[in-house]
Amino acid sequence: MEYILGLGTGLVLGVGLTLALARFKSLFKSSEVKKLHEEVRHLKRRLEEKDRHVARMLVETEKLVQGLSQIRISPPSQLQ
């Protein structure tokens, strides 16, 4: 009888300590993972903003090139 009680008590304590240790580790791990996840999300958002800005600049550059290609410059001999 004492053997069964000791085995049961040891099993309960072992499982309980294992679960407590796993939960304790997850508190620190999840906070670090959470910080890294937030940082990745912030960097992705900044990258998307920069991509949109570059796309707008390319469109503006293309418009300028088209406008400049429409301008006809007369030769210098005709200006006098």
N, C-alpha and C. Protein backbone atom coordinates (compact mmCIF):
# COMPACT_ATOMS: atom_id res chain seq x y z
N MET A 1 0.83 -1.18 0.00
CA MET A 1 0.00 0.00 0.00
C MET A 1 0.89 1.27 0.00
N GLU A 2 1.92 1.26 0.83
CA GLU A 2 2.80 2.42 0.89
C GLU A 2 3.53 2.63 -0.45
N TYR A 3 3.83 1.53 -1.10
CA TYR A 3 4.51 1.60 -2.40
C TYR A 3 3.62 2.30 -3.42
N ILE A 4 2.36 1.97 -3.47
CA ILE A 4 1.41 2.57 -4.42
C ILE A 4 1.22 4.06 -4.10
N LEU A 5 1.09 4.39 -2.80
CA LEU A 5 0.95 5.80 -2.42
C LEU A 5 2.19 6.61 -2.79
N GLY A 6 3.36 6.07 -2.57
CA GLY A 6 4.61 6.75 -2.92
C GLY A 6 4.74 6.93 -4.42
N LEU A 7 4.38 5.88 -5.16
CA LEU A 7 4.43 5.96 -6.62
C LEU A 7 3.43 6.99 -7.15
N GLY A 8 2.24 6.99 -6.60
CA GLY A 8 1.22 7.96 -7.02
C GLY A 8 1.62 9.38 -6.68
N THR A 9 2.15 9.57 -5.47
CA THR A 9 2.59 10.90 -5.04
C THR A 9 3.75 11.39 -5.92
N GLY A 10 4.69 10.50 -6.20
CA GLY A 10 5.82 10.87 -7.07
C GLY A 10 5.36 11.22 -8.47
N LEU A 11 4.40 10.46 -8.97
CA LEU A 11 3.87 10.73 -10.31
C LEU A 11 3.17 12.09 -10.36
N VAL A 12 2.33 12.35 -9.36
CA VAL A 12 1.60 13.63 -9.32
C VAL A 12 2.58 14.79 -9.18
N LEU A 13 3.55 14.66 -8.29
CA LEU A 13 4.53 15.74 -8.13
C LEU A 13 5.38 15.93 -9.38
N GLY A 14 5.77 14.84 -10.02
CA GLY A 14 6.57 14.95 -11.25
C GLY A 14 5.81 15.66 -12.36
N VAL A 15 4.57 15.25 -12.56
CA VAL A 15 3.75 15.88 -13.61
C VAL A 15 3.48 17.34 -13.25
N GLY A 16 3.18 17.60 -11.99
CA GLY A 16 2.89 18.97 -11.56
C GLY A 16 4.09 19.89 -11.72
N LEU A 17 5.25 19.42 -11.32
CA LEU A 17 6.46 20.23 -11.47
C LEU A 17 6.83 20.44 -12.94
N THR A 18 6.63 19.41 -13.74
CA THR A 18 6.91 19.54 -15.17
C THR A 18 6.00 20.59 -15.81
N LEU A 19 4.71 20.52 -15.49
CA LEU A 19 3.77 21.50 -16.04
C LEU A 19 4.08 22.91 -15.53
N ALA A 20 4.43 23.03 -14.26
CA ALA A 20 4.76 24.35 -13.71
C ALA A 20 6.00 24.92 -14.38
N LEU A 21 7.01 24.09 -14.57
CA LEU A 21 8.24 24.55 -15.22
C LEU A 21 7.98 24.94 -16.67
N ALA A 22 7.17 24.17 -17.37
CA ALA A 22 6.85 24.49 -18.77
C ALA A 22 6.10 25.82 -18.85
N ARG A 23 5.17 26.04 -17.93
CA ARG A 23 4.42 27.30 -17.94
C ARG A 23 5.33 28.47 -17.59
N PHE A 24 6.24 28.27 -16.65
CA PHE A 24 7.17 29.32 -16.25
C PHE A 24 8.08 29.70 -17.40
N LYS A 25 8.57 28.72 -18.13
CA LYS A 25 9.42 29.00 -19.30
C LYS A 25 8.64 29.70 -20.40
N SER A 26 7.39 29.30 -20.59
CA SER A 26 6.59 29.89 -21.66
C SER A 26 6.29 31.36 -21.39
N LEU A 27 6.27 31.77 -20.13
CA LEU A 27 6.05 33.18 -19.82
C LEU A 27 7.16 34.04 -20.40
N PHE A 28 8.40 33.61 -20.20
CA PHE A 28 9.53 34.38 -20.73
C PHE A 28 9.66 34.21 -22.23
N LYS A 29 9.43 33.01 -22.70
CA LYS A 29 9.56 32.74 -24.13
C LYS A 29 8.51 33.51 -24.92
N SER A 30 7.28 33.49 -24.45
CA SER A 30 6.21 34.16 -25.20
C SER A 30 6.42 35.66 -25.23
N SER A 31 6.97 36.23 -24.17
CA SER A 31 7.19 37.67 -24.19
C SER A 31 8.25 38.04 -25.24
N GLU A 32 9.30 37.23 -25.33
CA GLU A 32 10.34 37.48 -26.34
C GLU A 32 9.79 37.26 -27.74
N VAL A 33 9.04 36.20 -27.91
CA VAL A 33 8.43 35.92 -29.21
C VAL A 33 7.46 37.02 -29.58
N LYS A 34 6.72 37.49 -28.61
CA LYS A 34 5.75 38.57 -28.86
C LYS A 34 6.47 39.84 -29.31
N LYS A 35 7.58 40.16 -28.65
CA LYS A 35 8.34 41.36 -29.03
C LYS A 35 8.87 41.22 -30.46
N LEU A 36 9.40 40.05 -30.78
CA LEU A 36 9.95 39.84 -32.12
C LEU A 36 8.84 39.89 -33.18
N HIS A 37 7.68 39.33 -32.84
CA HIS A 37 6.56 39.35 -33.78
C HIS A 37 6.11 40.78 -34.05
N GLU A 38 6.04 41.59 -33.00
CA GLU A 38 5.66 43.00 -33.17
C GLU A 38 6.70 43.74 -34.01
N GLU A 39 7.96 43.45 -33.79
CA GLU A 39 9.02 44.11 -34.55
C GLU A 39 8.94 43.73 -36.03
N VAL A 40 8.70 42.45 -36.31
CA VAL A 40 8.57 42.00 -37.70
C VAL A 40 7.38 42.68 -38.35
N ARG A 41 6.25 42.75 -37.64
CA ARG A 41 5.06 43.41 -38.20
C ARG A 41 5.34 44.88 -38.49
N HIS A 42 6.04 45.55 -37.57
CA HIS A 42 6.38 46.97 -37.77
C HIS A 42 7.30 47.13 -38.99
N LEU A 43 8.30 46.26 -39.13
CA LEU A 43 9.22 46.35 -40.26
C LEU A 43 8.52 46.06 -41.59
N LYS A 44 7.59 45.11 -41.60
CA LYS A 44 6.84 44.83 -42.81
C LYS A 44 5.98 46.03 -43.21
N ARG A 45 5.38 46.68 -42.22
CA ARG A 45 4.56 47.86 -42.50
C ARG A 45 5.41 48.98 -43.09
N ARG A 46 6.60 49.20 -42.52
CA ARG A 46 7.50 50.23 -43.04
C ARG A 46 7.96 49.90 -44.46
N LEU A 47 8.24 48.62 -44.71
CA LEU A 47 8.66 48.21 -46.05
C LEU A 47 7.55 48.44 -47.07
N GLU A 48 6.31 48.14 -46.69
CA GLU A 48 5.18 48.39 -47.60
C GLU A 48 5.03 49.87 -47.88
N GLU A 49 5.19 50.71 -46.85
CA GLU A 49 5.11 52.16 -47.06
C GLU A 49 6.20 52.64 -48.02
N LYS A 50 7.39 52.13 -47.85
CA LYS A 50 8.49 52.52 -48.73
C LYS A 50 8.26 52.03 -50.15
N ASP A 51 7.71 50.84 -50.31
CA ASP A 51 7.39 50.33 -51.64
C ASP A 51 6.36 51.22 -52.33
N ARG A 52 5.33 51.65 -51.58
CA ARG A 52 4.33 52.55 -52.16
C ARG A 52 4.96 53.87 -52.56
N HIS A 53 5.85 54.39 -51.72
CA HIS A 53 6.52 55.64 -52.03
C HIS A 53 7.38 55.51 -53.30
N VAL A 54 8.12 54.43 -53.42
CA VAL A 54 8.95 54.21 -54.61
C VAL A 54 8.07 54.09 -55.84
N ALA A 55 6.94 53.40 -55.72
CA ALA A 55 6.03 53.26 -56.86
C ALA A 55 5.49 54.63 -57.29
N ARG A 56 5.13 55.47 -56.31
CA ARG A 56 4.65 56.83 -56.65
C ARG A 56 5.74 57.64 -57.33
N MET A 57 6.96 57.52 -56.85
CA MET A 57 8.08 58.26 -57.46
C MET A 57 8.33 57.77 -58.89
N LEU A 58 8.22 56.48 -59.12
CA LEU A 58 8.40 55.96 -60.48
C LEU A 58 7.32 56.48 -61.42
N VAL A 59 6.08 56.54 -60.94
CA VAL A 59 5.00 57.08 -61.77
C VAL A 59 5.26 58.54 -62.11
N GLU A 60 5.67 59.32 -61.10
CA GLU A 60 5.98 60.73 -61.34
C GLU A 60 7.14 60.89 -62.32
N THR A 61 8.15 60.04 -62.20
CA THR A 61 9.29 60.10 -63.11
C THR A 61 8.86 59.78 -64.53
N GLU A 62 8.01 58.77 -64.68
CA GLU A 62 7.52 58.42 -66.02
C GLU A 62 6.71 59.57 -66.63
N LYS A 63 5.91 60.25 -65.81
CA LYS A 63 5.15 61.39 -66.30
C LYS A 63 6.08 62.51 -66.77
N LEU A 64 7.13 62.77 -65.99
CA LEU A 64 8.09 63.80 -66.37
C LEU A 64 8.79 63.44 -67.68
N VAL A 65 9.17 62.18 -67.83
CA VAL A 65 9.84 61.74 -69.05
C VAL A 65 8.92 61.90 -70.24
N GLN A 66 7.66 61.53 -70.08
CA GLN A 66 6.70 61.68 -71.18
C GLN A 66 6.50 63.15 -71.54
N GLY A 67 6.42 63.99 -70.51
CA GLY A 67 6.27 65.42 -70.76
C GLY A 67 7.48 66.01 -71.46
N LEU A 68 8.65 65.60 -71.05
CA LEU A 68 9.87 66.11 -71.68
C LEU A 68 10.04 65.57 -73.10
N SER A 69 9.55 64.38 -73.35
CA SER A 69 9.68 63.84 -74.70
C SER A 69 8.74 64.54 -75.68
N GLN A 70 7.71 65.20 -75.19
CA GLN A 70 6.77 65.92 -76.05
C GLN A 70 7.30 67.29 -76.45
N ILE A 71 8.24 67.82 -75.68
CA ILE A 71 8.79 69.15 -75.97
C ILE A 71 9.75 69.04 -77.15
N ARG A 72 9.54 69.90 -78.11
CA ARG A 72 10.42 69.92 -79.28
C ARG A 72 11.34 71.12 -79.14
N ILE A 73 12.60 70.86 -79.23
CA ILE A 73 13.59 71.93 -79.14
C ILE A 73 14.03 72.28 -80.56
N SER A 74 13.86 73.54 -80.88
CA SER A 74 14.26 73.97 -82.21
C SER A 74 15.78 74.12 -82.25
N PRO A 75 16.38 73.87 -83.41
CA PRO A 75 17.83 74.01 -83.54
C PRO A 75 18.27 75.44 -83.26
N PRO A 76 19.48 75.64 -82.79
CA PRO A 76 19.96 77.00 -82.42
C PRO A 76 19.97 77.97 -83.62
N SER A 77 20.08 77.50 -84.83
CA SER A 77 20.11 78.42 -85.98
C SER A 77 18.75 79.08 -86.20
N GLN A 78 17.68 78.46 -85.81
CA GLN A 78 16.35 79.02 -86.01
C GLN A 78 15.98 80.01 -84.88
N LEU A 79 16.67 80.03 -83.79
CA LEU A 79 16.36 80.90 -82.69
C LEU A 79 16.75 82.35 -83.01
N GLN A 80 17.68 82.61 -83.87
CA GLN A 80 18.15 83.96 -84.15
C GLN A 80 17.27 84.60 -85.11
